Every structure is written in structure tokens, then in C-alpha cells.
Amino acid sequence: MKKNLLALAVLCAMTSGAAYAQQQDGQWMVRARAVHLDSSNGGAAGAAGVSINDKWIPEVDVSYFFTPNFAAELILTYPQKHDVRLNGGKIGTLKHLPPTLLGQYHFTGMGAFKPYVGAGVNYTRFSSVDIAGGALTVKKNSWGPALQVGFDYALDKNWSLNFDVKKVYIDTTVSGGIGKFKVDPVLVGLGVGYRF
């Protein structure tokens, strides 16, 4: 009997929690994520053996909901430092700052589970380039598309858990006849969000 009552109490709590979670209706959401950056290391430079290291980076984004379904998201971090390698051997370092602006469609009517898709544009600024003692340089600016899929899982009226995957198209040109280097990373993120 006690087990049945406990099971009923848990079921009621889950049901009421899901119903309560659906009430997330603030126009703003802020998320903090830990993101794994996995570079494709493509293009002519990639084929020649140029690569950068994969790494975990912090990410913060701010979203504004125009309607329950449509939102805009600005994704930010600080300049990220990478080792530059040639055929596995380190030949220098550089930093990149990749703010991204996305338009999103959020699916509704699924209770606490709130999936979304997004598309937008990325701008990347390369800085602090030190490759082969200054013998090689890279183009400083990159513009490219960005695609996104993910979901929030509402914990209460304000807080949620987040899982997010992005494909961002970033490239630059390495001097010295090496050619185009396509970073084009896949970014997989886990985090928390607060909606207000």
C-alpha cells in the first residue's frame, strides 16, 4: 500500500511539474553552456596537413522570443586560443572570436520538452596569430552560415536544461601558398537556461 501511494505521489509530482514547466513564457532567455569544438580541418591547407586542436570552450547566449515559436539568439564567448599544427607538429598559435546570430523556430505543445531548430550567420575574427615564427599569416575575418538543432527541458517556470548542436562555417586563407583552411566546426553543447 505504501509503495502504491509513493508511486502515485511521484506520478502526481511529475505531472504537475510538467504542467508547471509549460508556463515558461518570458520573452528573454539566457543560457550558459560547455561546448566541445570539433574542427573539420578542411580545405587545401587541411589537405596539406594543417590543423587546429579540438577543445572545450565556455559559451553564453541571449535569446529574445518574438512569439512562443520564433526567437533570435546571439551566441558569445571570449577569444579562444588554438594550437596550429602541421602534420601533427605544433607550428604556432592563434585566437578566434566567433559571435553567431541565429533565427530559431521553437516547437510547442510538448510539455517540458522544447525542441528547436535555427539558422543564421557567423562572424569570426582571427587574432594573435603566431605561426612558424611569423613566417605565415591568415586572413583576419570570416563570414559564414550557421545551422543549429537542440532542445530545452524545463525544470520549473524559469530554469531549464539545454542540449545543442551547431555546424558553423568558418574559413581563412593561410599565406605562403598553403591556401584555404576550413575550420567548419561542429559544436556540441550542454548547459542551463533561465527564462524571464
N, C-alpha and C. Protein backbone atom coordinates (compact mmCIF):
# COMPACT_ATOMS: atom_id res chain seq x y z
N MET A 1 0.82 -1.20 0.00
CA MET A 1 0.00 0.00 0.00
C MET A 1 0.87 1.27 0.00
N LYS A 2 1.92 1.25 0.83
CA LYS A 2 2.81 2.40 0.89
C LYS A 2 3.50 2.63 -0.45
N LYS A 3 3.88 1.50 -1.10
CA LYS A 3 4.55 1.61 -2.40
C LYS A 3 3.61 2.22 -3.43
N ASN A 4 2.35 1.80 -3.38
CA ASN A 4 1.36 2.34 -4.33
C ASN A 4 1.14 3.84 -4.11
N LEU A 5 1.06 4.25 -2.83
CA LEU A 5 0.89 5.66 -2.52
C LEU A 5 2.10 6.48 -2.95
N LEU A 6 3.30 5.90 -2.74
CA LEU A 6 4.53 6.58 -3.14
C LEU A 6 4.57 6.75 -4.66
N ALA A 7 4.22 5.68 -5.38
CA ALA A 7 4.20 5.74 -6.84
C ALA A 7 3.19 6.78 -7.33
N LEU A 8 2.03 6.83 -6.69
CA LEU A 8 1.01 7.81 -7.06
C LEU A 8 1.49 9.24 -6.79
N ALA A 9 2.17 9.43 -5.67
CA ALA A 9 2.69 10.75 -5.33
C ALA A 9 3.75 11.20 -6.33
N VAL A 10 4.63 10.27 -6.73
CA VAL A 10 5.67 10.60 -7.72
C VAL A 10 5.03 10.95 -9.06
N LEU A 11 4.03 10.17 -9.47
CA LEU A 11 3.33 10.42 -10.73
C LEU A 11 2.65 11.78 -10.71
N CYS A 12 1.98 12.10 -9.61
CA CYS A 12 1.32 13.41 -9.48
C CYS A 12 2.34 14.55 -9.53
N ALA A 13 3.47 14.34 -8.87
CA ALA A 13 4.50 15.38 -8.86
C ALA A 13 5.07 15.61 -10.24
N MET A 14 5.29 14.50 -10.99
CA MET A 14 5.83 14.61 -12.35
C MET A 14 4.82 15.30 -13.26
N THR A 15 3.56 14.93 -13.13
CA THR A 15 2.52 15.52 -13.98
C THR A 15 2.35 17.00 -13.70
N SER A 16 2.30 17.35 -12.41
CA SER A 16 2.14 18.76 -12.07
C SER A 16 3.39 19.55 -12.44
N GLY A 17 4.57 18.92 -12.31
CA GLY A 17 5.81 19.59 -12.69
C GLY A 17 5.84 19.87 -14.17
N ALA A 18 5.40 18.89 -14.99
CA ALA A 18 5.38 19.09 -16.45
C ALA A 18 4.39 20.19 -16.82
N ALA A 19 3.24 20.21 -16.16
CA ALA A 19 2.25 21.24 -16.45
C ALA A 19 2.78 22.61 -16.05
N TYR A 20 3.46 22.68 -14.91
CA TYR A 20 4.02 23.94 -14.44
C TYR A 20 5.12 24.42 -15.37
N ALA A 21 5.93 23.42 -15.86
CA ALA A 21 7.05 23.77 -16.73
C ALA A 21 6.56 24.39 -18.04
N GLN A 22 5.35 24.03 -18.47
CA GLN A 22 4.83 24.58 -19.72
C GLN A 22 4.59 26.09 -19.60
N GLN A 23 4.58 26.63 -18.41
CA GLN A 23 4.27 28.04 -18.21
C GLN A 23 5.47 28.96 -18.46
N GLN A 24 6.57 28.41 -18.95
CA GLN A 24 7.71 29.26 -19.29
C GLN A 24 7.31 30.17 -20.44
N ASP A 25 7.09 31.44 -20.18
CA ASP A 25 6.59 32.32 -21.23
C ASP A 25 7.28 33.69 -21.24
N GLY A 26 8.42 33.81 -20.57
CA GLY A 26 9.15 35.08 -20.63
C GLY A 26 9.71 35.32 -22.03
N GLN A 27 9.94 36.59 -22.36
CA GLN A 27 10.45 36.91 -23.69
C GLN A 27 11.96 36.75 -23.80
N TRP A 28 12.67 36.71 -22.68
CA TRP A 28 14.13 36.61 -22.70
C TRP A 28 14.58 35.27 -22.11
N MET A 29 15.66 34.73 -22.67
CA MET A 29 16.30 33.55 -22.10
C MET A 29 17.81 33.73 -22.19
N VAL A 30 18.49 33.39 -21.10
CA VAL A 30 19.95 33.41 -21.06
C VAL A 30 20.42 31.99 -20.76
N ARG A 31 21.38 31.52 -21.55
CA ARG A 31 21.93 30.18 -21.33
C ARG A 31 23.44 30.25 -21.14
N ALA A 32 23.96 29.32 -20.37
CA ALA A 32 25.41 29.10 -20.25
C ALA A 32 25.67 27.66 -20.62
N ARG A 33 26.63 27.44 -21.51
CA ARG A 33 26.91 26.09 -22.00
C ARG A 33 28.41 25.79 -21.92
N ALA A 34 28.71 24.50 -21.76
CA ALA A 34 30.05 23.98 -22.04
C ALA A 34 29.95 23.34 -23.41
N VAL A 35 30.82 23.77 -24.34
CA VAL A 35 30.71 23.39 -25.74
C VAL A 35 32.00 22.71 -26.20
N HIS A 36 31.86 21.58 -26.87
CA HIS A 36 33.03 20.93 -27.46
C HIS A 36 33.14 21.33 -28.92
N LEU A 37 34.27 21.94 -29.29
CA LEU A 37 34.52 22.38 -30.67
C LEU A 37 35.34 21.31 -31.37
N ASP A 38 34.79 20.76 -32.45
CA ASP A 38 35.45 19.72 -33.24
C ASP A 38 35.65 20.26 -34.66
N SER A 39 36.90 20.64 -34.99
CA SER A 39 37.19 21.26 -36.28
C SER A 39 37.25 20.22 -37.39
N SER A 40 36.78 20.62 -38.58
CA SER A 40 36.86 19.70 -39.73
C SER A 40 38.25 19.72 -40.36
N ASN A 41 39.05 20.80 -40.11
CA ASN A 41 40.42 20.90 -40.65
C ASN A 41 40.45 20.60 -42.14
N GLY A 42 39.59 21.29 -42.89
CA GLY A 42 39.45 21.01 -44.31
C GLY A 42 40.11 22.05 -45.20
N GLY A 43 39.76 22.00 -46.49
CA GLY A 43 40.32 22.90 -47.48
C GLY A 43 41.71 22.47 -47.92
N ALA A 44 42.31 23.29 -48.79
CA ALA A 44 43.64 22.96 -49.31
C ALA A 44 44.68 22.88 -48.20
N ALA A 45 44.57 23.80 -47.20
CA ALA A 45 45.52 23.78 -46.09
C ALA A 45 45.35 22.52 -45.25
N GLY A 46 44.08 22.12 -45.02
CA GLY A 46 43.85 20.88 -44.29
C GLY A 46 44.42 19.67 -45.02
N ALA A 47 44.25 19.65 -46.34
CA ALA A 47 44.79 18.55 -47.13
C ALA A 47 46.32 18.52 -47.08
N ALA A 48 46.92 19.70 -46.86
CA ALA A 48 48.38 19.78 -46.76
C ALA A 48 48.88 19.44 -45.36
N GLY A 49 47.95 19.14 -44.43
CA GLY A 49 48.35 18.72 -43.09
C GLY A 49 48.19 19.75 -42.01
N VAL A 50 47.60 20.94 -42.34
CA VAL A 50 47.38 21.97 -41.33
C VAL A 50 46.14 21.61 -40.52
N SER A 51 46.20 21.79 -39.20
CA SER A 51 45.05 21.51 -38.33
C SER A 51 45.13 22.38 -37.09
N ILE A 52 43.98 22.53 -36.43
CA ILE A 52 43.94 23.13 -35.09
C ILE A 52 43.38 22.09 -34.13
N ASN A 53 43.65 22.29 -32.84
CA ASN A 53 43.20 21.31 -31.84
C ASN A 53 41.71 21.48 -31.52
N ASP A 54 41.04 20.38 -31.26
CA ASP A 54 39.68 20.40 -30.73
C ASP A 54 39.77 20.77 -29.24
N LYS A 55 38.69 21.38 -28.72
CA LYS A 55 38.74 21.77 -27.30
C LYS A 55 37.35 22.05 -26.78
N TRP A 56 37.21 22.08 -25.45
CA TRP A 56 36.01 22.53 -24.76
C TRP A 56 36.11 24.03 -24.53
N ILE A 57 35.01 24.75 -24.80
CA ILE A 57 35.00 26.19 -24.60
C ILE A 57 33.73 26.59 -23.85
N PRO A 58 33.76 27.72 -23.11
CA PRO A 58 32.53 28.23 -22.49
C PRO A 58 31.75 29.05 -23.51
N GLU A 59 30.44 29.05 -23.36
CA GLU A 59 29.59 29.80 -24.28
C GLU A 59 28.41 30.38 -23.51
N VAL A 60 28.05 31.61 -23.85
CA VAL A 60 26.87 32.27 -23.27
C VAL A 60 26.02 32.75 -24.43
N ASP A 61 24.71 32.56 -24.32
CA ASP A 61 23.84 33.10 -25.36
C ASP A 61 22.65 33.82 -24.73
N VAL A 62 22.13 34.76 -25.50
CA VAL A 62 20.96 35.54 -25.10
C VAL A 62 19.92 35.39 -26.20
N SER A 63 18.70 34.96 -25.84
CA SER A 63 17.62 34.78 -26.81
C SER A 63 16.47 35.72 -26.48
N TYR A 64 15.83 36.22 -27.55
CA TYR A 64 14.63 37.02 -27.40
C TYR A 64 13.50 36.35 -28.19
N PHE A 65 12.38 36.08 -27.52
CA PHE A 65 11.24 35.42 -28.13
C PHE A 65 10.25 36.47 -28.64
N PHE A 66 10.12 36.56 -29.96
CA PHE A 66 9.14 37.46 -30.55
C PHE A 66 7.73 36.89 -30.39
N THR A 67 7.62 35.56 -30.49
CA THR A 67 6.38 34.81 -30.26
C THR A 67 6.78 33.53 -29.53
N PRO A 68 5.82 32.69 -29.10
CA PRO A 68 6.21 31.42 -28.48
C PRO A 68 7.04 30.53 -29.40
N ASN A 69 6.93 30.73 -30.73
CA ASN A 69 7.64 29.87 -31.68
C ASN A 69 8.91 30.49 -32.25
N PHE A 70 8.93 31.81 -32.42
CA PHE A 70 10.06 32.45 -33.12
C PHE A 70 10.92 33.26 -32.16
N ALA A 71 12.24 33.01 -32.26
CA ALA A 71 13.19 33.70 -31.39
C ALA A 71 14.46 34.02 -32.16
N ALA A 72 15.23 34.96 -31.64
CA ALA A 72 16.57 35.27 -32.14
C ALA A 72 17.55 34.99 -31.02
N GLU A 73 18.69 34.40 -31.37
CA GLU A 73 19.70 34.03 -30.37
C GLU A 73 21.06 34.59 -30.77
N LEU A 74 21.71 35.28 -29.84
CA LEU A 74 23.07 35.76 -30.03
C LEU A 74 23.99 34.93 -29.16
N ILE A 75 24.99 34.31 -29.80
CA ILE A 75 25.90 33.40 -29.10
C ILE A 75 27.26 34.07 -28.96
N LEU A 76 27.80 34.06 -27.74
CA LEU A 76 29.04 34.76 -27.44
C LEU A 76 30.01 33.88 -26.66
N THR A 77 31.30 34.17 -26.80
CA THR A 77 32.34 33.62 -25.94
C THR A 77 33.48 34.64 -25.95
N TYR A 78 34.61 34.31 -25.34
CA TYR A 78 35.77 35.19 -25.43
C TYR A 78 36.75 34.59 -26.44
N PRO A 79 37.77 35.35 -26.91
CA PRO A 79 38.69 34.80 -27.92
C PRO A 79 39.31 33.48 -27.47
N GLN A 80 39.18 32.47 -28.33
CA GLN A 80 39.65 31.13 -28.00
C GLN A 80 41.01 30.85 -28.65
N LYS A 81 41.95 30.38 -27.85
CA LYS A 81 43.31 30.10 -28.34
C LYS A 81 43.41 28.66 -28.82
N HIS A 82 44.03 28.47 -29.98
CA HIS A 82 44.23 27.15 -30.55
C HIS A 82 45.69 26.96 -30.94
N ASP A 83 46.16 25.73 -30.80
CA ASP A 83 47.45 25.35 -31.37
C ASP A 83 47.25 25.08 -32.86
N VAL A 84 48.18 25.57 -33.66
CA VAL A 84 48.18 25.28 -35.10
C VAL A 84 49.25 24.23 -35.34
N ARG A 85 48.87 23.16 -36.05
CA ARG A 85 49.79 22.05 -36.28
C ARG A 85 49.96 21.79 -37.77
N LEU A 86 51.13 21.27 -38.11
CA LEU A 86 51.39 20.81 -39.47
C LEU A 86 51.84 19.36 -39.38
N ASN A 87 51.01 18.47 -39.94
CA ASN A 87 51.29 17.03 -39.87
C ASN A 87 51.54 16.56 -38.44
N GLY A 88 50.76 17.13 -37.51
CA GLY A 88 50.83 16.71 -36.11
C GLY A 88 51.80 17.48 -35.26
N GLY A 89 52.71 18.24 -35.87
CA GLY A 89 53.68 19.01 -35.10
C GLY A 89 53.25 20.46 -34.95
N LYS A 90 53.36 21.01 -33.76
CA LYS A 90 52.92 22.37 -33.50
C LYS A 90 53.81 23.38 -34.21
N ILE A 91 53.17 24.30 -34.97
CA ILE A 91 53.93 25.34 -35.67
C ILE A 91 53.51 26.74 -35.22
N GLY A 92 52.60 26.83 -34.26
CA GLY A 92 52.21 28.14 -33.77
C GLY A 92 50.87 28.13 -33.07
N THR A 93 50.32 29.33 -32.86
CA THR A 93 49.03 29.50 -32.19
C THR A 93 48.27 30.65 -32.85
N LEU A 94 46.98 30.65 -32.61
CA LEU A 94 46.13 31.78 -32.99
C LEU A 94 44.92 31.80 -32.08
N LYS A 95 44.19 32.94 -32.12
CA LYS A 95 42.93 33.05 -31.39
C LYS A 95 41.81 33.37 -32.36
N HIS A 96 40.62 32.91 -32.03
CA HIS A 96 39.47 33.28 -32.85
C HIS A 96 38.29 33.65 -31.95
N LEU A 97 37.54 34.67 -32.38
CA LEU A 97 36.34 35.13 -31.67
C LEU A 97 35.17 34.97 -32.63
N PRO A 98 34.20 34.05 -32.31
CA PRO A 98 33.17 33.68 -33.29
C PRO A 98 31.73 34.00 -32.90
N PRO A 99 31.35 35.28 -32.68
CA PRO A 99 29.94 35.53 -32.35
C PRO A 99 29.02 35.06 -33.49
N THR A 100 27.85 34.56 -33.12
CA THR A 100 26.90 33.99 -34.09
C THR A 100 25.49 34.47 -33.76
N LEU A 101 24.75 34.87 -34.78
CA LEU A 101 23.37 35.31 -34.63
C LEU A 101 22.47 34.35 -35.39
N LEU A 102 21.47 33.79 -34.69
CA LEU A 102 20.59 32.78 -35.27
C LEU A 102 19.13 33.16 -35.12
N GLY A 103 18.33 32.85 -36.13
CA GLY A 103 16.89 32.86 -36.01
C GLY A 103 16.42 31.46 -35.70
N GLN A 104 15.48 31.31 -34.79
CA GLN A 104 15.08 29.97 -34.33
C GLN A 104 13.58 29.76 -34.45
N TYR A 105 13.22 28.49 -34.68
CA TYR A 105 11.82 28.08 -34.56
C TYR A 105 11.73 27.09 -33.42
N HIS A 106 10.89 27.40 -32.43
CA HIS A 106 10.71 26.54 -31.25
C HIS A 106 9.37 25.80 -31.38
N PHE A 107 9.43 24.48 -31.24
CA PHE A 107 8.22 23.66 -31.31
C PHE A 107 7.53 23.70 -29.94
N THR A 108 6.22 23.84 -29.95
CA THR A 108 5.46 23.95 -28.70
C THR A 108 4.50 22.77 -28.58
N GLY A 109 3.85 22.70 -27.42
CA GLY A 109 2.84 21.66 -27.19
C GLY A 109 3.41 20.32 -26.78
N MET A 110 4.68 20.29 -26.32
CA MET A 110 5.32 19.03 -25.92
C MET A 110 5.66 19.02 -24.44
N GLY A 111 4.95 19.80 -23.66
CA GLY A 111 5.21 19.83 -22.22
C GLY A 111 6.56 20.44 -21.91
N ALA A 112 7.31 19.76 -21.04
CA ALA A 112 8.61 20.28 -20.60
C ALA A 112 9.67 20.18 -21.68
N PHE A 113 9.48 19.29 -22.66
CA PHE A 113 10.43 19.10 -23.75
C PHE A 113 10.19 20.14 -24.83
N LYS A 114 11.20 20.97 -25.11
CA LYS A 114 11.02 22.11 -26.01
C LYS A 114 12.12 22.12 -27.07
N PRO A 115 11.94 21.36 -28.17
CA PRO A 115 12.96 21.33 -29.23
C PRO A 115 12.92 22.57 -30.11
N TYR A 116 14.03 22.83 -30.80
CA TYR A 116 14.11 23.97 -31.69
C TYR A 116 15.13 23.72 -32.80
N VAL A 117 15.00 24.48 -33.88
CA VAL A 117 15.97 24.48 -34.97
C VAL A 117 16.32 25.93 -35.25
N GLY A 118 17.52 26.17 -35.78
CA GLY A 118 17.94 27.53 -36.04
C GLY A 118 18.86 27.63 -37.24
N ALA A 119 18.93 28.82 -37.81
CA ALA A 119 19.86 29.11 -38.91
C ALA A 119 20.22 30.58 -38.82
N GLY A 120 21.46 30.90 -39.21
CA GLY A 120 21.88 32.29 -39.13
C GLY A 120 23.25 32.50 -39.71
N VAL A 121 23.96 33.48 -39.14
CA VAL A 121 25.25 33.89 -39.69
C VAL A 121 26.29 33.97 -38.58
N ASN A 122 27.52 33.60 -38.93
CA ASN A 122 28.65 33.67 -38.02
C ASN A 122 29.68 34.67 -38.55
N TYR A 123 30.24 35.45 -37.64
CA TYR A 123 31.39 36.29 -37.97
C TYR A 123 32.53 35.86 -37.06
N THR A 124 33.69 35.56 -37.65
CA THR A 124 34.84 35.16 -36.85
C THR A 124 35.99 36.11 -37.11
N ARG A 125 36.62 36.55 -36.03
CA ARG A 125 37.80 37.42 -36.10
C ARG A 125 39.00 36.64 -35.58
N PHE A 126 40.02 36.47 -36.43
CA PHE A 126 41.26 35.80 -36.02
C PHE A 126 42.24 36.86 -35.52
N SER A 127 42.92 36.55 -34.42
CA SER A 127 43.87 37.50 -33.82
C SER A 127 45.02 36.73 -33.17
N SER A 128 46.01 37.48 -32.69
CA SER A 128 47.18 36.90 -32.00
C SER A 128 47.75 35.73 -32.78
N VAL A 129 47.89 35.93 -34.10
CA VAL A 129 48.39 34.87 -34.97
C VAL A 129 49.91 34.81 -34.87
N ASP A 130 50.44 33.68 -34.48
CA ASP A 130 51.88 33.45 -34.41
C ASP A 130 52.15 32.06 -34.96
N ILE A 131 52.37 31.99 -36.27
CA ILE A 131 52.57 30.71 -36.94
C ILE A 131 53.96 30.69 -37.58
N ALA A 132 54.72 29.68 -37.25
CA ALA A 132 56.07 29.49 -37.78
C ALA A 132 56.92 30.74 -37.59
N GLY A 133 56.83 31.30 -36.37
CA GLY A 133 57.64 32.46 -36.04
C GLY A 133 57.31 33.70 -36.84
N GLY A 134 56.06 33.80 -37.30
CA GLY A 134 55.64 34.96 -38.07
C GLY A 134 55.82 34.79 -39.57
N ALA A 135 56.29 33.64 -40.00
CA ALA A 135 56.51 33.40 -41.43
C ALA A 135 55.20 33.23 -42.19
N LEU A 136 54.14 32.79 -41.49
CA LEU A 136 52.84 32.59 -42.12
C LEU A 136 51.80 33.47 -41.43
N THR A 137 50.82 33.95 -42.19
CA THR A 137 49.72 34.73 -41.65
C THR A 137 48.40 34.14 -42.15
N VAL A 138 47.29 34.63 -41.57
CA VAL A 138 45.97 34.19 -42.02
C VAL A 138 45.09 35.41 -42.24
N LYS A 139 44.10 35.27 -43.10
CA LYS A 139 43.11 36.32 -43.29
C LYS A 139 42.37 36.52 -41.98
N LYS A 140 42.15 37.77 -41.58
CA LYS A 140 41.66 38.08 -40.24
C LYS A 140 40.17 37.86 -40.05
N ASN A 141 39.35 37.96 -41.11
CA ASN A 141 37.90 37.95 -40.96
C ASN A 141 37.27 36.80 -41.75
N SER A 142 36.20 36.25 -41.19
CA SER A 142 35.45 35.20 -41.87
C SER A 142 33.96 35.39 -41.61
N TRP A 143 33.16 35.31 -42.67
CA TRP A 143 31.70 35.30 -42.57
C TRP A 143 31.20 33.98 -43.12
N GLY A 144 30.19 33.39 -42.47
CA GLY A 144 29.65 32.14 -42.98
C GLY A 144 28.34 31.78 -42.31
N PRO A 145 27.60 30.84 -42.91
CA PRO A 145 26.33 30.41 -42.32
C PRO A 145 26.54 29.55 -41.07
N ALA A 146 25.46 29.43 -40.30
CA ALA A 146 25.45 28.58 -39.11
C ALA A 146 24.10 27.88 -39.02
N LEU A 147 24.12 26.61 -38.66
CA LEU A 147 22.91 25.80 -38.51
C LEU A 147 22.88 25.23 -37.10
N GLN A 148 21.67 24.97 -36.60
CA GLN A 148 21.52 24.59 -35.19
C GLN A 148 20.31 23.69 -34.99
N VAL A 149 20.45 22.73 -34.08
CA VAL A 149 19.32 21.93 -33.61
C VAL A 149 19.55 21.65 -32.13
N GLY A 150 18.48 21.67 -31.34
CA GLY A 150 18.67 21.43 -29.91
C GLY A 150 17.34 21.37 -29.19
N PHE A 151 17.42 21.29 -27.87
CA PHE A 151 16.19 21.31 -27.07
C PHE A 151 16.48 21.85 -25.67
N ASP A 152 15.47 22.45 -25.10
CA ASP A 152 15.45 22.80 -23.68
C ASP A 152 14.51 21.85 -22.97
N TYR A 153 14.84 21.49 -21.74
CA TYR A 153 13.93 20.69 -20.91
C TYR A 153 13.63 21.51 -19.66
N ALA A 154 12.40 22.01 -19.58
CA ALA A 154 12.02 22.92 -18.49
C ALA A 154 11.99 22.19 -17.16
N LEU A 155 12.65 22.77 -16.17
CA LEU A 155 12.65 22.23 -14.80
C LEU A 155 11.59 22.89 -13.93
N ASP A 156 11.34 24.17 -14.19
CA ASP A 156 10.29 24.91 -13.49
C ASP A 156 9.93 26.11 -14.36
N LYS A 157 9.32 27.11 -13.78
CA LYS A 157 8.85 28.25 -14.56
C LYS A 157 9.98 29.01 -15.24
N ASN A 158 11.18 28.99 -14.67
CA ASN A 158 12.29 29.76 -15.21
C ASN A 158 13.47 28.92 -15.72
N TRP A 159 13.82 27.87 -14.99
CA TRP A 159 15.06 27.13 -15.27
C TRP A 159 14.83 25.97 -16.22
N SER A 160 15.85 25.69 -17.05
CA SER A 160 15.79 24.55 -17.95
C SER A 160 17.19 24.00 -18.20
N LEU A 161 17.23 22.75 -18.62
CA LEU A 161 18.47 22.13 -19.11
C LEU A 161 18.49 22.28 -20.62
N ASN A 162 19.69 22.33 -21.21
CA ASN A 162 19.81 22.54 -22.65
C ASN A 162 20.81 21.60 -23.27
N PHE A 163 20.47 21.08 -24.46
CA PHE A 163 21.39 20.32 -25.30
C PHE A 163 21.33 20.95 -26.69
N ASP A 164 22.49 21.18 -27.31
CA ASP A 164 22.53 21.98 -28.53
C ASP A 164 23.66 21.50 -29.43
N VAL A 165 23.38 21.41 -30.74
CA VAL A 165 24.40 21.06 -31.73
C VAL A 165 24.38 22.12 -32.83
N LYS A 166 25.56 22.65 -33.17
CA LYS A 166 25.66 23.65 -34.23
C LYS A 166 26.73 23.23 -35.24
N LYS A 167 26.50 23.55 -36.50
CA LYS A 167 27.51 23.47 -37.55
C LYS A 167 27.76 24.89 -38.01
N VAL A 168 28.99 25.35 -37.86
CA VAL A 168 29.35 26.73 -38.18
C VAL A 168 30.42 26.71 -39.26
N TYR A 169 30.22 27.52 -40.29
CA TYR A 169 31.15 27.54 -41.42
C TYR A 169 32.12 28.70 -41.27
N ILE A 170 33.38 28.36 -40.95
CA ILE A 170 34.45 29.33 -40.70
C ILE A 170 35.63 28.95 -41.57
N ASP A 171 36.16 29.91 -42.32
CA ASP A 171 37.37 29.62 -43.09
C ASP A 171 38.29 30.83 -43.12
N THR A 172 39.53 30.59 -43.48
CA THR A 172 40.52 31.64 -43.63
C THR A 172 41.51 31.18 -44.69
N THR A 173 42.40 32.07 -45.09
CA THR A 173 43.43 31.72 -46.06
C THR A 173 44.79 31.83 -45.40
N VAL A 174 45.58 30.76 -45.47
CA VAL A 174 46.92 30.74 -44.91
C VAL A 174 47.89 31.18 -45.99
N SER A 175 48.78 32.13 -45.66
CA SER A 175 49.73 32.66 -46.64
C SER A 175 50.79 31.62 -46.99
N GLY A 176 51.68 32.02 -47.88
CA GLY A 176 52.78 31.14 -48.26
C GLY A 176 52.38 30.07 -49.25
N GLY A 177 51.26 30.32 -49.97
CA GLY A 177 50.83 29.35 -50.97
C GLY A 177 50.15 28.12 -50.39
N ILE A 178 49.85 28.15 -49.09
CA ILE A 178 49.21 26.98 -48.46
C ILE A 178 47.73 26.93 -48.80
N GLY A 179 47.06 28.09 -48.85
CA GLY A 179 45.69 28.15 -49.34
C GLY A 179 44.63 28.18 -48.26
N LYS A 180 43.42 27.86 -48.68
CA LYS A 180 42.22 27.96 -47.83
C LYS A 180 42.24 26.93 -46.71
N PHE A 181 41.92 27.39 -45.50
CA PHE A 181 41.78 26.48 -44.35
C PHE A 181 40.36 26.58 -43.84
N LYS A 182 39.63 25.48 -43.89
CA LYS A 182 38.24 25.44 -43.46
C LYS A 182 38.15 24.83 -42.07
N VAL A 183 37.88 25.68 -41.09
CA VAL A 183 37.71 25.20 -39.71
C VAL A 183 36.38 24.45 -39.60
N ASP A 184 35.29 25.08 -40.08
CA ASP A 184 33.94 24.49 -40.18
C ASP A 184 33.62 23.54 -39.02
N PRO A 185 33.64 24.03 -37.78
CA PRO A 185 33.48 23.12 -36.64
C PRO A 185 32.05 22.65 -36.42
N VAL A 186 31.94 21.49 -35.79
CA VAL A 186 30.70 21.03 -35.16
C VAL A 186 30.84 21.33 -33.68
N LEU A 187 29.84 22.00 -33.11
CA LEU A 187 29.88 22.39 -31.70
C LEU A 187 28.73 21.70 -30.96
N VAL A 188 29.08 20.88 -30.00
CA VAL A 188 28.09 20.15 -29.20
C VAL A 188 28.12 20.72 -27.79
N GLY A 189 26.96 21.21 -27.33
CA GLY A 189 26.92 21.91 -26.05
C GLY A 189 25.91 21.36 -25.06
N LEU A 190 26.26 21.46 -23.79
CA LEU A 190 25.37 21.12 -22.68
C LEU A 190 25.34 22.32 -21.73
N GLY A 191 24.15 22.66 -21.24
CA GLY A 191 24.11 23.81 -20.35
C GLY A 191 22.79 23.98 -19.63
N VAL A 192 22.63 25.15 -19.06
CA VAL A 192 21.41 25.51 -18.34
C VAL A 192 20.90 26.84 -18.88
N GLY A 193 19.58 27.03 -18.79
CA GLY A 193 18.98 28.27 -19.25
C GLY A 193 18.07 28.86 -18.19
N TYR A 194 17.91 30.18 -18.26
CA TYR A 194 17.00 30.88 -17.36
C TYR A 194 16.13 31.79 -18.22
N ARG A 195 14.82 31.60 -18.16
CA ARG A 195 13.89 32.40 -18.97
C ARG A 195 13.10 33.35 -18.08
N PHE A 196 12.99 34.59 -18.55
CA PHE A 196 12.30 35.61 -17.74
C PHE A 196 11.61 36.63 -18.64
